[in-house]
Amino acid sequence: KKTSHAPVTKQRTAEEIIAVKGCGSCHGVDGAGKFNGVSTSPAFPTIAGQYKTYLQQALIQYRNGALKVKTPGALIRNNGSMSPMVNDLSDKDIAVLAAYISKLPGPLVQPQVK
């Protein structure tokens, strides 16, 4: 009796996703939206330290825009730069990415309680 199993794919790390997607080219290598302390553009916001749930929702909304989601009530963000960057990310990819970026040093990072 043969058993068929779907191939197991390893979840990509946030660093792998960022490297493949090139997030640093707009948001800076540290997610601060800056290179050498200078903002690249107001169009490229600081994402480092942003709230995880905000990042997840924003990425999902950009993906919905890229995929032209027609689901009633689906929130969509159409952005010529962001939508193509996230159109192939899974929900798990987005969760991993949002968790990682939210922990980068940035203006919204909360001090750790001891």
Protein backbone atom coordinates (compact mmCIF):
# COMPACT_ATOMS: atom_id res chain seq x y z
CA LYS A 1 0.00 0.00 0.00
CA LYS A 2 1.50 3.29 -1.12
CA THR A 3 1.04 6.39 0.95
CA SER A 4 1.16 9.74 -0.75
CA HIS A 5 2.28 12.73 1.23
CA ALA A 6 2.32 16.31 0.13
CA PRO A 7 5.84 17.72 0.04
CA VAL A 8 6.79 19.46 3.25
CA THR A 9 7.98 22.99 2.68
CA LYS A 10 10.06 24.75 5.29
CA GLN A 11 8.67 28.05 6.56
CA ARG A 12 10.91 30.87 5.41
CA THR A 13 12.44 33.07 8.07
CA ALA A 14 11.74 36.79 8.13
CA GLU A 15 15.34 37.42 7.07
CA GLU A 16 14.89 35.13 4.04
CA ILE A 17 11.66 36.87 3.04
CA ILE A 18 13.26 40.31 3.42
CA ALA A 19 16.29 39.26 1.36
CA VAL A 20 14.15 37.84 -1.45
CA LYS A 21 11.69 40.72 -1.48
CA GLY A 22 14.28 43.49 -1.11
CA CYS A 23 12.40 45.36 1.62
CA GLY A 24 15.56 47.27 2.54
CA SER A 25 15.72 48.98 -0.84
CA CYS A 26 12.86 51.25 0.22
CA HIS A 27 12.50 50.86 3.99
CA GLY A 28 16.23 50.74 4.75
CA VAL A 29 18.19 47.74 5.91
CA ASP A 30 17.05 48.32 9.48
CA GLY A 31 13.42 49.08 8.59
CA ALA A 32 13.82 52.70 9.65
CA GLY A 33 13.20 54.05 6.14
CA LYS A 34 16.62 55.67 6.16
CA PHE A 35 20.08 55.20 4.74
CA ASN A 36 22.93 56.72 6.73
CA GLY A 37 20.39 58.54 8.90
CA VAL A 38 18.67 60.24 5.95
CA SER A 39 15.11 59.41 4.89
CA THR A 40 14.97 57.97 1.40
CA SER A 41 11.50 59.43 0.84
CA PRO A 42 8.33 60.21 2.79
CA ALA A 43 6.75 57.50 0.63
CA PHE A 44 8.87 54.88 2.43
CA PRO A 45 7.80 54.94 6.07
CA THR A 46 9.61 53.61 9.08
CA ILE A 47 8.35 50.09 9.68
CA ALA A 48 10.83 49.04 12.37
CA GLY A 49 9.06 48.66 15.70
CA GLN A 50 5.60 49.16 14.18
CA TYR A 51 2.82 47.22 15.92
CA LYS A 52 2.68 43.59 14.77
CA THR A 53 -1.08 43.54 14.20
CA TYR A 54 -0.88 46.76 12.16
CA LEU A 55 1.89 45.31 9.98
CA GLN A 56 -0.04 42.06 9.45
CA GLN A 57 -3.21 43.88 8.45
CA ALA A 58 -1.37 46.29 6.16
CA LEU A 59 0.48 43.47 4.39
CA ILE A 60 -2.72 41.47 3.97
CA GLN A 61 -4.48 44.55 2.58
CA TYR A 62 -1.62 45.17 0.11
CA ARG A 63 -1.81 41.51 -0.92
CA ASN A 64 -5.59 41.79 -1.33
CA GLY A 65 -5.02 44.78 -3.61
CA ALA A 66 -2.47 42.88 -5.67
CA LEU A 67 -4.79 39.91 -6.01
CA LYS A 68 -7.82 42.13 -6.71
CA VAL A 69 -9.80 40.41 -3.96
CA LYS A 70 -13.54 40.78 -4.52
CA THR A 71 -14.71 39.45 -1.15
CA PRO A 72 -17.37 41.77 0.30
CA GLY A 73 -15.92 43.67 3.23
CA ALA A 74 -12.30 42.81 2.39
CA LEU A 75 -10.02 45.72 3.09
CA ILE A 76 -7.76 46.52 0.16
CA ARG A 77 -4.75 48.78 -0.27
CA ASN A 78 -3.65 49.33 -3.84
CA ASN A 79 -0.05 50.43 -4.06
CA GLY A 80 2.09 50.09 -7.15
CA SER A 81 5.18 49.30 -5.08
CA MET A 82 3.87 47.27 -2.16
CA SER A 83 1.18 45.13 -3.76
CA PRO A 84 3.55 43.30 -6.15
CA MET A 85 6.03 42.78 -3.30
CA VAL A 86 3.53 40.85 -1.16
CA ASN A 87 1.26 39.16 -3.70
CA ASP A 88 2.86 35.74 -3.18
CA LEU A 89 3.27 35.85 0.60
CA SER A 90 1.27 33.31 2.59
CA ASP A 91 -0.56 34.25 5.78
CA LYS A 92 2.25 32.49 7.69
CA ASP A 93 4.92 34.49 5.78
CA ILE A 94 3.09 37.68 6.71
CA ALA A 95 2.82 36.67 10.38
CA VAL A 96 6.55 35.81 10.54
CA LEU A 97 7.51 39.05 8.81
CA ALA A 98 5.26 41.22 10.99
CA ALA A 99 6.57 39.62 14.20
CA TYR A 100 10.18 40.20 13.12
CA ILE A 101 9.73 43.81 11.98
CA SER A 102 7.75 44.71 15.10
CA LYS A 103 10.75 43.75 17.24
CA LEU A 104 13.27 45.88 15.34
CA PRO A 105 14.37 49.05 17.17
CA GLY A 106 12.04 51.84 16.14
CA PRO A 107 9.92 54.67 17.51
CA LEU A 108 7.08 52.39 18.66
CA VAL A 109 9.10 49.65 20.36
CA GLN A 110 7.97 49.36 23.95
CA PRO A 111 10.62 49.01 26.68
CA GLN A 112 10.87 45.49 28.07
CA VAL A 113 9.27 45.09 31.50
CA LYS A 114 11.60 43.36 33.94
